[in-house]
Amino acid sequence: MRDPVFSTRMTALLGIRHPILCGGLQWLADANYVAAVVNAGAMGFITCMSFPGEPERFRQEIRRCRMLTQGKPFGVSVSIGRRPDIVEILTPMLDVIVQEQVRIVETSGNNPAWLLPRLKDAGCIVIHKVPAVRYALSAERLGVDAVTVISGEAGGHTGQYMNSQIVQGPLAADAVRIPLALGGGMGDGRHLVTALAMGADAMLLGSRMVVAEEIWAHRAYKDHIARMDESFTRVIMSTFGKQHRVLDNATARQVADLEAAGVSDFDAYRPLAQGALVRQAYLDGDHSQGLIDMGPAGVFAREIQPVETIIDQLIDTAAAAMRSLNDRMRPVACQVSP
């Protein structure tokens, strides 16, 4: 494990060695992966919705992660969907989070106001993930402890604005007062330096990590990602006002064809948008099926490696980038007044 190189408000808030967050990957972010992230000095999040309707399985995953991290803090991810029964679905998961005394919670999706008091009363540190600065400010007013602002380069649901990281990052840093992480298009140690230079306190990784050895997905899927270039994703579902960046595969192209034909009835898309298709793709390696969340930063996932190796390389690259910057800075001659 690399020694700490950077000290930020996020490393202090979460008690982590490196200012790197590895976001909750639906179906993939289990105890093995999250523990590997934490043991490498970063912060990871078990996705509670990887266990829909199974709070006791979620509880066992939390306990397993605690054992694998030897008691070090880790996080869970709570995605607040738009479905009308989301409160009924998530309430048993919140019960488990509180009962198991999970300290760090990443929330995302819709407004977290209804669950925030429960988590704060339990002593949780809450990081809310949003797709635009305006939502970061709303979350800050609600009393979250930190925010992650993702850009249009992010994999998964990126919201309606699709602002680029190079523009949105500094705007977010100027706007919010609480610790800030930036996500979307992040996959290299130089991106960590860039995020910190823009005023953030950490970077969020997602697509970059899907080839980690500790990710349980099929080897064929990982090999496919490792071979891809930066053009292997596409944005779909613009018809419904909430863009979704996914792997450019057969299912994604079917959705794109429906949109091009002007189809606006979601029932036509429903068979293609099932989460079960994505889980099956991870299980059997058939990456042609399902709307698989993926951002262009997956291009940096060039080989299958342990999580610790990936994190170490990110820190090494970031430190080298800092040295290179320092070497390029021209010394200013000191002029002495007569």
C-alpha atoms as a PDB file:
ATOM      1  CA  MET A   1       0.000   0.000   0.000  1.00  0.00           C
ATOM      2  CA  ARG A   2       1.338   3.423  -0.944  1.00  0.00           C
ATOM      3  CA  ASP A   3       2.068   6.029   1.699  1.00  0.00           C
ATOM      4  CA  PRO A   4      -0.285   9.019   1.677  1.00  0.00           C
ATOM      5  CA  VAL A   5       0.701  11.682  -0.842  1.00  0.00           C
ATOM      6  CA  PHE A   6      -2.296  14.014  -0.626  1.00  0.00           C
ATOM      7  CA  SER A   7      -4.183  15.345   2.393  1.00  0.00           C
ATOM      8  CA  THR A   8      -7.652  16.761   1.744  1.00  0.00           C
ATOM      9  CA  ARG A   9     -10.892  17.411   3.543  1.00  0.00           C
ATOM     10  CA  MET A  10     -12.202  14.127   2.120  1.00  0.00           C
ATOM     11  CA  THR A  11      -9.325  12.034   3.438  1.00  0.00           C
ATOM     12  CA  ALA A  12      -9.854  13.651   6.835  1.00  0.00           C
ATOM     13  CA  LEU A  13     -13.647  13.194   6.777  1.00  0.00           C
ATOM     14  CA  LEU A  14     -13.521   9.518   5.832  1.00  0.00           C
ATOM     15  CA  GLY A  15     -10.257   8.569   7.526  1.00  0.00           C
ATOM     16  CA  ILE A  16      -8.727   7.247   4.304  1.00  0.00           C
ATOM     17  CA  ARG A  17      -5.167   7.232   3.021  1.00  0.00           C
ATOM     18  CA  HIS A  18      -5.852   8.435  -0.542  1.00  0.00           C
ATOM     19  CA  PRO A  19      -8.472  10.898  -1.902  1.00  0.00           C
ATOM     20  CA  ILE A  20     -10.063   8.221  -4.086  1.00  0.00           C
ATOM     21  CA  LEU A  21     -13.671   7.030  -3.901  1.00  0.00           C
ATOM     22  CA  CYS A  22     -14.726   3.902  -5.779  1.00  0.00           C
ATOM     23  CA  GLY A  23     -18.426   4.374  -6.389  1.00  0.00           C
ATOM     24  CA  GLY A  24     -21.063   1.735  -5.910  1.00  0.00           C
ATOM     25  CA  LEU A  25     -21.252  -0.466  -9.020  1.00  0.00           C
ATOM     26  CA  GLN A  26     -24.689  -2.043  -9.360  1.00  0.00           C
ATOM     27  CA  TRP A  27     -24.425  -5.847  -8.957  1.00  0.00           C
ATOM     28  CA  LEU A  28     -20.621  -5.709  -8.734  1.00  0.00           C
ATOM     29  CA  ALA A  29     -19.720  -3.758  -5.576  1.00  0.00           C
ATOM     30  CA  ASP A  30     -19.836  -6.564  -3.032  1.00  0.00           C
ATOM     31  CA  ALA A  31     -17.891  -7.183   0.180  1.00  0.00           C
ATOM     32  CA  ASN A  32     -14.841  -8.637  -1.578  1.00  0.00           C
ATOM     33  CA  TYR A  33     -14.422  -5.661  -3.885  1.00  0.00           C
ATOM     34  CA  VAL A  34     -15.230  -2.969  -1.326  1.00  0.00           C
ATOM     35  CA  ALA A  35     -12.911  -4.492   1.269  1.00  0.00           C
ATOM     36  CA  ALA A  36     -10.097  -4.571  -1.300  1.00  0.00           C
ATOM     37  CA  VAL A  37     -10.669  -0.869  -2.023  1.00  0.00           C
ATOM     38  CA  VAL A  38     -10.646   0.023   1.672  1.00  0.00           C
ATOM     39  CA  ASN A  39      -7.582  -2.098   2.377  1.00  0.00           C
ATOM     40  CA  ALA A  40      -5.792  -0.289  -0.471  1.00  0.00           C
ATOM     41  CA  GLY A  41      -6.367   3.052   1.266  1.00  0.00           C
ATOM     42  CA  ALA A  42      -9.397   4.362  -0.657  1.00  0.00           C
ATOM     43  CA  MET A  43     -13.140   4.245   0.060  1.00  0.00           C
ATOM     44  CA  GLY A  44     -15.638   1.818  -1.463  1.00  0.00           C
ATOM     45  CA  PHE A  45     -19.386   1.322  -1.182  1.00  0.00           C
ATOM     46  CA  ILE A  46     -21.461  -1.870  -1.160  1.00  0.00           C
ATOM     47  CA  THR A  47     -24.541  -1.301  -3.335  1.00  0.00           C
ATOM     48  CA  CYS A  48     -27.639  -2.135  -1.324  1.00  0.00           C
ATOM     49  CA  MET A  49     -29.763  -2.467  -4.464  1.00  0.00           C
ATOM     50  CA  SER A  50     -27.619  -5.382  -5.559  1.00  0.00           C
ATOM     51  CA  PHE A  51     -29.786  -7.247  -3.032  1.00  0.00           C
ATOM     52  CA  PRO A  52     -33.307  -6.051  -3.960  1.00  0.00           C
ATOM     53  CA  GLY A  53     -35.877  -7.315  -1.491  1.00  0.00           C
ATOM     54  CA  GLU A  54     -33.198  -9.215   0.438  1.00  0.00           C
ATOM     55  CA  PRO A  55     -32.129  -7.059   3.400  1.00  0.00           C
ATOM     56  CA  GLU A  56     -30.707 -10.047   5.271  1.00  0.00           C
ATOM     57  CA  ARG A  57     -28.357 -10.839   2.378  1.00  0.00           C
ATOM     58  CA  PHE A  58     -27.328  -7.189   2.462  1.00  0.00           C
ATOM     59  CA  ARG A  59     -26.683  -7.529   6.207  1.00  0.00           C
ATOM     60  CA  GLN A  60     -24.453 -10.562   5.672  1.00  0.00           C
ATOM     61  CA  GLU A  61     -22.514  -8.700   2.997  1.00  0.00           C
ATOM     62  CA  ILE A  62     -21.891  -5.833   5.416  1.00  0.00           C
ATOM     63  CA  ARG A  63     -20.686  -8.236   8.107  1.00  0.00           C
ATOM     64  CA  ARG A  64     -18.398  -9.990   5.655  1.00  0.00           C
ATOM     65  CA  CYS A  65     -16.918  -6.655   4.571  1.00  0.00           C
ATOM     66  CA  ARG A  66     -16.299  -5.680   8.185  1.00  0.00           C
ATOM     67  CA  MET A  67     -14.439  -8.944   8.714  1.00  0.00           C
ATOM     68  CA  LEU A  68     -12.347  -8.491   5.542  1.00  0.00           C
ATOM     69  CA  THR A  69     -11.406  -4.917   6.438  1.00  0.00           C
ATOM     70  CA  GLN A  70     -10.643  -5.924  10.035  1.00  0.00           C
ATOM     71  CA  GLY A  71     -12.969  -3.236  11.303  1.00  0.00           C
ATOM     72  CA  LYS A  72     -11.844  -0.363   9.080  1.00  0.00           C
ATOM     73  CA  PRO A  73     -14.683   1.939   7.979  1.00  0.00           C
ATOM     74  CA  PHE A  74     -16.319   1.206   4.631  1.00  0.00           C
ATOM     75  CA  GLY A  75     -19.365   2.558   2.850  1.00  0.00           C
ATOM     76  CA  VAL A  76     -22.686   1.490   1.405  1.00  0.00           C
ATOM     77  CA  SER A  77     -24.432   3.007  -1.595  1.00  0.00           C
ATOM     78  CA  VAL A  78     -28.157   3.821  -1.547  1.00  0.00           C
ATOM     79  CA  SER A  79     -29.674   4.654  -4.921  1.00  0.00           C
ATOM     80  CA  ILE A  80     -32.962   6.543  -4.547  1.00  0.00           C
ATOM     81  CA  GLY A  81     -34.921   5.557  -7.638  1.00  0.00           C
ATOM     82  CA  ARG A  82     -38.049   7.140  -9.048  1.00  0.00           C
ATOM     83  CA  ARG A  83     -40.336   4.148  -8.689  1.00  0.00           C
ATOM     84  CA  PRO A  84     -43.382   4.891  -6.499  1.00  0.00           C
ATOM     85  CA  ASP A  85     -42.562   2.165  -3.970  1.00  0.00           C
ATOM     86  CA  ILE A  86     -38.937   3.225  -3.428  1.00  0.00           C
ATOM     87  CA  VAL A  87     -39.538   4.156   0.238  1.00  0.00           C
ATOM     88  CA  GLU A  88     -40.924   0.683   0.966  1.00  0.00           C
ATOM     89  CA  ILE A  89     -37.991  -0.919  -0.864  1.00  0.00           C
ATOM     90  CA  LEU A  90     -35.256   1.103   0.816  1.00  0.00           C
ATOM     91  CA  THR A  91     -36.606   1.283   4.377  1.00  0.00           C
ATOM     92  CA  PRO A  92     -35.529  -2.293   5.286  1.00  0.00           C
ATOM     93  CA  MET A  93     -32.105  -1.527   3.819  1.00  0.00           C
ATOM     94  CA  LEU A  94     -31.841   1.600   5.960  1.00  0.00           C
ATOM     95  CA  ASP A  95     -32.774  -0.503   8.980  1.00  0.00           C
ATOM     96  CA  VAL A  96     -29.821  -2.779   8.224  1.00  0.00           C
ATOM     97  CA  ILE A  97     -27.432   0.159   7.722  1.00  0.00           C
ATOM     98  CA  VAL A  98     -28.410   1.645  11.076  1.00  0.00           C
ATOM     99  CA  GLN A  99     -28.454  -1.658  12.961  1.00  0.00           C
ATOM    100  CA  GLU A 100     -25.074  -2.690  11.580  1.00  0.00           C
ATOM    101  CA  GLN A 101     -23.630   0.738  12.399  1.00  0.00           C
ATOM    102  CA  VAL A 102     -22.285   1.418   8.928  1.00  0.00           C
ATOM    103  CA  ARG A 103     -20.522   4.740   9.211  1.00  0.00           C
ATOM    104  CA  ILE A 104     -20.364   6.000   5.609  1.00  0.00           C
ATOM    105  CA  VAL A 105     -23.266   6.187   3.162  1.00  0.00           C
ATOM    106  CA  GLU A 106     -23.291   7.307  -0.462  1.00  0.00           C
ATOM    107  CA  THR A 107     -26.734   8.381  -1.651  1.00  0.00           C
ATOM    108  CA  SER A 108     -27.684   9.144  -5.245  1.00  0.00           C
ATOM    109  CA  GLY A 109     -30.651   9.603  -7.534  1.00  0.00           C
ATOM    110  CA  ASN A 110     -33.622  11.519  -6.196  1.00  0.00           C
ATOM    111  CA  ASN A 111     -33.785  13.932  -3.269  1.00  0.00           C
ATOM    112  CA  PRO A 112     -32.406  12.284  -0.090  1.00  0.00           C
ATOM    113  CA  ALA A 113     -34.387  14.511   2.310  1.00  0.00           C
ATOM    114  CA  TRP A 114     -36.712  11.724   3.484  1.00  0.00           C
ATOM    115  CA  LEU A 115     -33.907   9.383   4.585  1.00  0.00           C
ATOM    116  CA  LEU A 116     -31.294  11.903   5.707  1.00  0.00           C
ATOM    117  CA  PRO A 117     -32.617  12.400   9.295  1.00  0.00           C
ATOM    118  CA  ARG A 118     -32.537   8.647   9.909  1.00  0.00           C
ATOM    119  CA  LEU A 119     -28.944   8.358   8.716  1.00  0.00           C
ATOM    120  CA  LYS A 120     -27.717  11.476  10.522  1.00  0.00           C
ATOM    121  CA  ASP A 121     -29.379  10.417  13.774  1.00  0.00           C
ATOM    122  CA  ALA A 122     -27.439   7.159  13.473  1.00  0.00           C
ATOM    123  CA  GLY A 123     -24.161   9.069  13.153  1.00  0.00           C
ATOM    124  CA  CYS A 124     -23.608   8.327   9.454  1.00  0.00           C
ATOM    125  CA  ILE A 125     -21.420  10.423   7.194  1.00  0.00           C
ATOM    126  CA  VAL A 126     -23.537  11.025   4.080  1.00  0.00           C
ATOM    127  CA  ILE A 127     -22.082  11.773   0.653  1.00  0.00           C
ATOM    128  CA  HIS A 128     -24.744  12.633  -1.921  1.00  0.00           C
ATOM    129  CA  LYS A 129     -23.951  12.135  -5.611  1.00  0.00           C
ATOM    130  CA  VAL A 130     -25.469  14.548  -8.124  1.00  0.00           C
ATOM    131  CA  PRO A 131     -25.194  15.311 -11.866  1.00  0.00           C
ATOM    132  CA  ALA A 132     -25.059  19.112 -11.647  1.00  0.00           C
ATOM    133  CA  VAL A 133     -23.913  21.941  -9.367  1.00  0.00           C
ATOM    134  CA  ARG A 134     -27.468  23.121  -8.654  1.00  0.00           C
ATOM    135  CA  TYR A 135     -28.264  19.757  -7.031  1.00  0.00           C
ATOM    136  CA  ALA A 136     -25.019  19.845  -5.049  1.00  0.00           C
ATOM    137  CA  LEU A 137     -26.110  23.129  -3.518  1.00  0.00           C
ATOM    138  CA  SER A 138     -29.515  21.662  -2.652  1.00  0.00           C
ATOM    139  CA  ALA A 139     -27.854  18.680  -0.983  1.00  0.00           C
ATOM    140  CA  GLU A 140     -25.558  20.972   0.961  1.00  0.00           C
ATOM    141  CA  ARG A 141     -28.561  22.895   2.273  1.00  0.00           C
ATOM    142  CA  LEU A 142     -30.134  19.608   3.383  1.00  0.00           C
ATOM    143  CA  GLY A 143     -27.106  18.954   5.590  1.00  0.00           C
ATOM    144  CA  VAL A 144     -25.153  16.194   3.835  1.00  0.00           C
ATOM    145  CA  ASP A 145     -21.505  15.944   4.837  1.00  0.00           C
ATOM    146  CA  ALA A 146     -20.013  15.886   1.339  1.00  0.00           C
ATOM    147  CA  VAL A 147     -21.081  15.795  -2.297  1.00  0.00           C
ATOM    148  CA  THR A 148     -19.901  14.065  -5.431  1.00  0.00           C
ATOM    149  CA  VAL A 149     -20.608  15.904  -8.668  1.00  0.00           C
ATOM    150  CA  ILE A 150     -20.497  13.758 -11.785  1.00  0.00           C
ATOM    151  CA  SER A 151     -20.075  15.041 -15.327  1.00  0.00           C
ATOM    152  CA  GLY A 152     -21.464  14.004 -18.680  1.00  0.00           C
ATOM    153  CA  GLU A 153     -18.513  11.660 -19.125  1.00  0.00           C
ATOM    154  CA  ALA A 154     -19.725   9.433 -16.298  1.00  0.00           C
ATOM    155  CA  GLY A 155     -21.072   5.958 -16.909  1.00  0.00           C
ATOM    156  CA  GLY A 156     -24.667   5.212 -15.942  1.00  0.00           C
ATOM    157  CA  HIS A 157     -27.365   7.817 -15.415  1.00  0.00           C
ATOM    158  CA  THR A 158     -25.755  11.209 -15.931  1.00  0.00           C
ATOM    159  CA  GLY A 159     -28.818  13.450 -15.661  1.00  0.00           C
ATOM    160  CA  GLN A 160     -30.099  15.889 -18.251  1.00  0.00           C
ATOM    161  CA  TYR A 161     -27.326  18.490 -18.357  1.00  0.00           C
ATOM    162  CA  MET A 162     -24.303  16.461 -19.480  1.00  0.00           C
ATOM    163  CA  ASN A 163     -21.805  19.195 -18.590  1.00  0.00           C
ATOM    164  CA  SER A 164     -18.151  18.321 -19.153  1.00  0.00           C
ATOM    165  CA  GLN A 165     -15.850  17.732 -16.214  1.00  0.00           C
ATOM    166  CA  ILE A 166     -13.403  20.468 -17.248  1.00  0.00           C
ATOM    167  CA  VAL A 167     -16.222  23.032 -16.964  1.00  0.00           C
ATOM    168  CA  GLN A 168     -18.344  21.613 -14.166  1.00  0.00           C
ATOM    169  CA  GLY A 169     -15.470  20.697 -11.837  1.00  0.00           C
ATOM    170  CA  PRO A 170     -14.257  24.248 -11.102  1.00  0.00           C
ATOM    171  CA  LEU A 171     -17.841  25.511 -10.950  1.00  0.00           C
ATOM    172  CA  ALA A 172     -18.664  22.906  -8.314  1.00  0.00           C
ATOM    173  CA  ALA A 173     -15.549  23.735  -6.307  1.00  0.00           C
ATOM    174  CA  ASP A 174     -16.456  27.425  -6.355  1.00  0.00           C
ATOM    175  CA  ALA A 175     -20.058  26.776  -5.368  1.00  0.00           C
ATOM    176  CA  VAL A 176     -20.050  24.280  -2.491  1.00  0.00           C
ATOM    177  CA  ARG A 177     -18.408  24.646   0.899  1.00  0.00           C
ATOM    178  CA  ILE A 178     -18.439  21.025   2.033  1.00  0.00           C
ATOM    179  CA  PRO A 179     -15.939  18.355   0.865  1.00  0.00           C
ATOM    180  CA  LEU A 180     -16.294  17.652  -2.846  1.00  0.00           C
ATOM    181  CA  ALA A 181     -15.474  14.683  -5.068  1.00  0.00           C
ATOM    182  CA  LEU A 182     -15.551  14.810  -8.850  1.00  0.00           C
ATOM    183  CA  GLY A 183     -16.591  11.833 -10.971  1.00  0.00           C
ATOM    184  CA  GLY A 184     -16.959  11.166 -14.668  1.00  0.00           C
ATOM    185  CA  GLY A 185     -14.075  10.590 -17.052  1.00  0.00           C
ATOM    186  CA  MET A 186     -11.726   9.764 -14.167  1.00  0.00           C
ATOM    187  CA  GLY A 187      -9.444   6.781 -14.619  1.00  0.00           C
ATOM    188  CA  ASP A 188      -5.806   7.837 -14.274  1.00  0.00           C
ATOM    189  CA  GLY A 189      -3.571   9.329 -11.603  1.00  0.00           C
ATOM    190  CA  ARG A 190      -3.297  12.511 -13.663  1.00  0.00           C
ATOM    191  CA  HIS A 191      -7.042  12.898 -13.264  1.00  0.00           C
ATOM    192  CA  LEU A 192      -6.579  12.896  -9.500  1.00  0.00           C
ATOM    193  CA  VAL A 193      -4.134  15.790  -9.781  1.00  0.00           C
ATOM    194  CA  THR A 194      -6.572  17.546 -12.124  1.00  0.00           C
ATOM    195  CA  ALA A 195      -9.489  17.082  -9.729  1.00  0.00           C
ATOM    196  CA  LEU A 196      -7.475  18.478  -6.830  1.00  0.00           C
ATOM    197  CA  ALA A 197      -6.218  21.367  -8.979  1.00  0.00           C
ATOM    198  CA  MET A 198      -9.817  22.241  -9.881  1.00  0.00           C
ATOM    199  CA  GLY A 199     -10.565  22.551  -6.175  1.00  0.00           C
ATOM    200  CA  ALA A 200     -12.028  19.142  -5.366  1.00  0.00           C
ATOM    201  CA  ASP A 201     -11.081  16.969  -2.398  1.00  0.00           C
ATOM    202  CA  ALA A 202     -11.213  13.572  -4.131  1.00  0.00           C
ATOM    203  CA  MET A 203     -11.987  11.826  -7.380  1.00  0.00           C
ATOM    204  CA  LEU A 204     -14.615   9.143  -7.920  1.00  0.00           C
ATOM    205  CA  LEU A 205     -13.829   6.037  -9.960  1.00  0.00           C
ATOM    206  CA  GLY A 206     -16.367   3.694 -11.513  1.00  0.00           C
ATOM    207  CA  SER A 207     -15.706   2.287 -14.977  1.00  0.00           C
ATOM    208  CA  ARG A 208     -11.959   2.178 -14.385  1.00  0.00           C
ATOM    209  CA  MET A 209     -12.428  -0.437 -11.675  1.00  0.00           C
ATOM    210  CA  VAL A 210     -14.569  -3.039 -13.469  1.00  0.00           C
ATOM    211  CA  VAL A 211     -11.509  -5.073 -14.504  1.00  0.00           C
ATOM    212  CA  ALA A 212     -10.265  -5.459 -10.925  1.00  0.00           C
ATOM    213  CA  GLU A 213      -9.563  -9.056  -9.954  1.00  0.00           C
ATOM    214  CA  GLU A 214     -11.906  -8.703  -6.985  1.00  0.00           C
ATOM    215  CA  ILE A 215     -14.842  -7.792  -9.247  1.00  0.00           C
ATOM    216  CA  TRP A 216     -16.804 -11.009  -9.701  1.00  0.00           C
ATOM    217  CA  ALA A 217     -17.872 -10.383 -13.318  1.00  0.00           C
ATOM    218  CA  HIS A 218     -16.973 -12.986 -15.960  1.00  0.00           C
ATOM    219  CA  ARG A 219     -13.447 -12.893 -17.353  1.00  0.00           C
ATOM    220  CA  ALA A 220     -14.789 -12.515 -20.916  1.00  0.00           C
ATOM    221  CA  TYR A 221     -16.507  -9.268 -19.933  1.00  0.00           C
ATOM    222  CA  LYS A 222     -13.346  -7.902 -18.332  1.00  0.00           C
ATOM    223  CA  ASP A 223     -11.235  -8.923 -21.332  1.00  0.00           C
ATOM    224  CA  HIS A 224     -13.652  -7.083 -23.609  1.00  0.00           C
ATOM    225  CA  ILE A 225     -13.369  -3.883 -21.572  1.00  0.00           C
ATOM    226  CA  ALA A 226      -9.570  -4.151 -21.486  1.00  0.00           C
ATOM    227  CA  ARG A 227      -9.491  -4.200 -25.311  1.00  0.00           C
ATOM    228  CA  MET A 228     -11.756  -1.190 -25.869  1.00  0.00           C
ATOM    229  CA  ASP A 229     -10.814   2.322 -26.978  1.00  0.00           C
ATOM    230  CA  GLU A 230     -12.351   5.617 -25.836  1.00  0.00           C
ATOM    231  CA  SER A 231     -15.245   5.401 -28.339  1.00  0.00           C
ATOM    232  CA  PHE A 232     -16.846   2.254 -26.874  1.00  0.00           C
ATOM    233  CA  THR A 233     -19.735   3.960 -25.041  1.00  0.00           C
ATOM    234  CA  ARG A 234     -22.891   5.712 -26.165  1.00  0.00           C
ATOM    235  CA  VAL A 235     -25.584   7.872 -24.566  1.00  0.00           C
ATOM    236  CA  ILE A 236     -29.167   6.635 -24.806  1.00  0.00           C
ATOM    237  CA  MET A 237     -32.579   7.358 -23.249  1.00  0.00           C
ATOM    238  CA  SER A 238     -32.458  11.067 -24.113  1.00  0.00           C
ATOM    239  CA  THR A 239     -36.094  10.582 -25.182  1.00  0.00           C
ATOM    240  CA  PHE A 240     -37.024  10.406 -21.489  1.00  0.00           C
ATOM    241  CA  GLY A 241     -34.906  13.351 -20.355  1.00  0.00           C
ATOM    242  CA  LYS A 242     -32.407  11.331 -18.326  1.00  0.00           C
ATOM    243  CA  GLN A 243     -29.396  10.344 -20.345  1.00  0.00           C
ATOM    244  CA  HIS A 244     -27.833   6.972 -19.727  1.00  0.00           C
ATOM    245  CA  ARG A 245     -24.218   6.321 -20.779  1.00  0.00           C
ATOM    246  CA  VAL A 246     -23.647   2.635 -21.465  1.00  0.00           C
ATOM    247  CA  LEU A 247     -21.424   0.168 -23.248  1.00  0.00           C
ATOM    248  CA  ASP A 248     -22.025   0.358 -26.992  1.00  0.00           C
ATOM    249  CA  ASN A 249     -23.466  -3.105 -27.555  1.00  0.00           C
ATOM    250  CA  ALA A 250     -26.387  -4.750 -29.359  1.00  0.00           C
ATOM    251  CA  THR A 251     -28.946  -3.807 -26.701  1.00  0.00           C
ATOM    252  CA  ALA A 252     -27.813  -0.173 -26.633  1.00  0.00           C
ATOM    253  CA  ARG A 253     -28.086   0.004 -30.424  1.00  0.00           C
ATOM    254  CA  GLN A 254     -31.623  -1.406 -30.283  1.00  0.00           C
ATOM    255  CA  VAL A 255     -32.562   1.378 -27.862  1.00  0.00           C
ATOM    256  CA  ALA A 256     -30.898   3.951 -30.114  1.00  0.00           C
ATOM    257  CA  ASP A 257     -32.908   2.640 -33.071  1.00  0.00           C
ATOM    258  CA  LEU A 258     -36.162   3.031 -31.116  1.00  0.00           C
ATOM    259  CA  GLU A 259     -35.253   6.592 -30.215  1.00  0.00           C
ATOM    260  CA  ALA A 260     -34.298   7.402 -33.806  1.00  0.00           C
ATOM    261  CA  ALA A 261     -37.721   6.121 -34.868  1.00  0.00           C
ATOM    262  CA  GLY A 262     -39.402   8.534 -32.429  1.00  0.00           C
ATOM    263  CA  VAL A 263     -40.785   5.853 -30.103  1.00  0.00           C
ATOM    264  CA  SER A 264     -41.735   7.497 -26.804  1.00  0.00           C
ATOM    265  CA  ASP A 265     -43.718   4.715 -25.118  1.00  0.00           C
ATOM    266  CA  PHE A 266     -41.433   3.272 -22.419  1.00  0.00           C
ATOM    267  CA  ASP A 267     -43.130  -0.116 -22.716  1.00  0.00           C
ATOM    268  CA  ALA A 268     -41.256  -0.570 -25.994  1.00  0.00           C
ATOM    269  CA  TYR A 269     -37.966  -0.087 -24.159  1.00  0.00           C
ATOM    270  CA  ARG A 270     -38.816  -2.045 -21.037  1.00  0.00           C
ATOM    271  CA  PRO A 271     -37.618  -5.496 -22.217  1.00  0.00           C
ATOM    272  CA  LEU A 272     -34.246  -3.964 -23.145  1.00  0.00           C
ATOM    273  CA  ALA A 273     -33.837  -1.974 -19.922  1.00  0.00           C
ATOM    274  CA  GLN A 274     -34.163  -4.846 -17.442  1.00  0.00           C
ATOM    275  CA  GLY A 275     -31.440  -4.931 -14.822  1.00  0.00           C
ATOM    276  CA  ALA A 276     -31.543  -8.719 -14.980  1.00  0.00           C
ATOM    277  CA  LEU A 277     -29.987  -8.565 -18.457  1.00  0.00           C
ATOM    278  CA  VAL A 278     -26.984  -6.685 -17.093  1.00  0.00           C
ATOM    279  CA  ARG A 279     -26.526  -9.102 -14.216  1.00  0.00           C
ATOM    280  CA  GLN A 280     -26.665 -12.005 -16.666  1.00  0.00           C
ATOM    281  CA  ALA A 281     -24.040 -10.329 -18.851  1.00  0.00           C
ATOM    282  CA  TYR A 282     -21.738 -10.153 -15.840  1.00  0.00           C
ATOM    283  CA  LEU A 283     -22.458 -13.790 -15.029  1.00  0.00           C
ATOM    284  CA  ASP A 284     -21.873 -15.338 -18.452  1.00  0.00           C
ATOM    285  CA  GLY A 285     -19.632 -12.732 -20.093  1.00  0.00           C
ATOM    286  CA  ASP A 286     -22.025 -11.979 -22.971  1.00  0.00           C
ATOM    287  CA  HIS A 287     -21.333  -8.260 -23.124  1.00  0.00           C
ATOM    288  CA  SER A 288     -23.653  -7.822 -26.138  1.00  0.00           C
ATOM    289  CA  GLN A 289     -26.736  -7.918 -23.905  1.00  0.00           C
ATOM    290  CA  GLY A 290     -28.105  -5.425 -21.405  1.00  0.00           C
ATOM    291  CA  LEU A 291     -27.686  -1.709 -20.816  1.00  0.00           C
ATOM    292  CA  ILE A 292     -24.314  -1.965 -19.092  1.00  0.00           C
ATOM    293  CA  ASP A 293     -23.238   1.237 -17.343  1.00  0.00           C
ATOM    294  CA  MET A 294     -19.891   2.359 -18.744  1.00  0.00           C
ATOM    295  CA  GLY A 295     -18.026   5.633 -19.163  1.00  0.00           C
ATOM    296  CA  PRO A 296     -15.133   6.373 -21.524  1.00  0.00           C
ATOM    297  CA  ALA A 297     -12.705   6.264 -18.575  1.00  0.00           C
ATOM    298  CA  GLY A 298     -13.025   2.503 -18.888  1.00  0.00           C
ATOM    299  CA  VAL A 299     -10.352   2.878 -21.565  1.00  0.00           C
ATOM    300  CA  PHE A 300      -7.817   3.160 -18.739  1.00  0.00           C
ATOM    301  CA  ALA A 301      -8.794  -0.331 -17.566  1.00  0.00           C
ATOM    302  CA  ARG A 302      -6.187  -1.920 -19.818  1.00  0.00           C
ATOM    303  CA  GLU A 303      -5.505  -5.087 -17.868  1.00  0.00           C
ATOM    304  CA  ILE A 304      -6.988  -7.208 -15.113  1.00  0.00           C
ATOM    305  CA  GLN A 305      -5.191  -6.431 -11.843  1.00  0.00           C
ATOM    306  CA  PRO A 306      -5.818  -6.550  -8.091  1.00  0.00           C
ATOM    307  CA  VAL A 307      -7.474  -3.478  -6.626  1.00  0.00           C
ATOM    308  CA  GLU A 308      -4.404  -2.624  -4.571  1.00  0.00           C
ATOM    309  CA  THR A 309      -2.212  -2.624  -7.684  1.00  0.00           C
ATOM    310  CA  ILE A 310      -4.651  -0.308  -9.465  1.00  0.00           C
ATOM    311  CA  ILE A 311      -4.788   2.141  -6.552  1.00  0.00           C
ATOM    312  CA  ASP A 312      -1.007   2.050  -6.097  1.00  0.00           C
ATOM    313  CA  GLN A 313      -0.476   2.805  -9.787  1.00  0.00           C
ATOM    314  CA  LEU A 314      -2.936   5.698  -9.623  1.00  0.00           C
ATOM    315  CA  ILE A 315      -1.040   7.230  -6.718  1.00  0.00           C
ATOM    316  CA  ASP A 316       2.332   6.649  -8.401  1.00  0.00           C
ATOM    317  CA  THR A 317       1.085   8.319 -11.585  1.00  0.00           C
ATOM    318  CA  ALA A 318      -0.375  11.232  -9.633  1.00  0.00           C
ATOM    319  CA  ALA A 319       2.888  11.753  -7.751  1.00  0.00           C
ATOM    320  CA  ALA A 320       4.840  11.634 -11.019  1.00  0.00           C
ATOM    321  CA  ALA A 321       2.472  14.200 -12.532  1.00  0.00           C
ATOM    322  CA  MET A 322       3.067  16.498  -9.571  1.00  0.00           C
ATOM    323  CA  ARG A 323       6.837  16.176  -9.983  1.00  0.00           C
ATOM    324  CA  SER A 324       6.521  16.902 -13.690  1.00  0.00           C
ATOM    325  CA  LEU A 325       4.526  20.043 -12.965  1.00  0.00           C
ATOM    326  CA  ASN A 326       7.087  21.211 -10.455  1.00  0.00           C
ATOM    327  CA  ASP A 327       9.892  20.607 -12.952  1.00  0.00           C
ATOM    328  CA  ARG A 328       8.078  22.717 -15.555  1.00  0.00           C
ATOM    329  CA  MET A 329       7.611  25.689 -13.261  1.00  0.00           C
ATOM    330  CA  ARG A 330      10.138  28.368 -14.133  1.00  0.00           C
ATOM    331  CA  PRO A 331      11.817  29.984 -11.146  1.00  0.00           C
ATOM    332  CA  VAL A 332      11.134  33.685 -10.831  1.00  0.00           C
ATOM    333  CA  ALA A 333      14.267  35.746 -10.237  1.00  0.00           C
ATOM    334  CA  CYS A 334      14.157  37.730  -7.030  1.00  0.00           C
ATOM    335  CA  GLN A 335      14.811  41.407  -7.724  1.00  0.00           C
ATOM    336  CA  VAL A 336      16.443  43.381  -4.929  1.00  0.00           C
ATOM    337  CA  SER A 337      15.655  47.094  -4.738  1.00  0.00           C
ATOM    338  CA  PRO A 338      18.747  49.337  -4.745  1.00  0.00           C
END
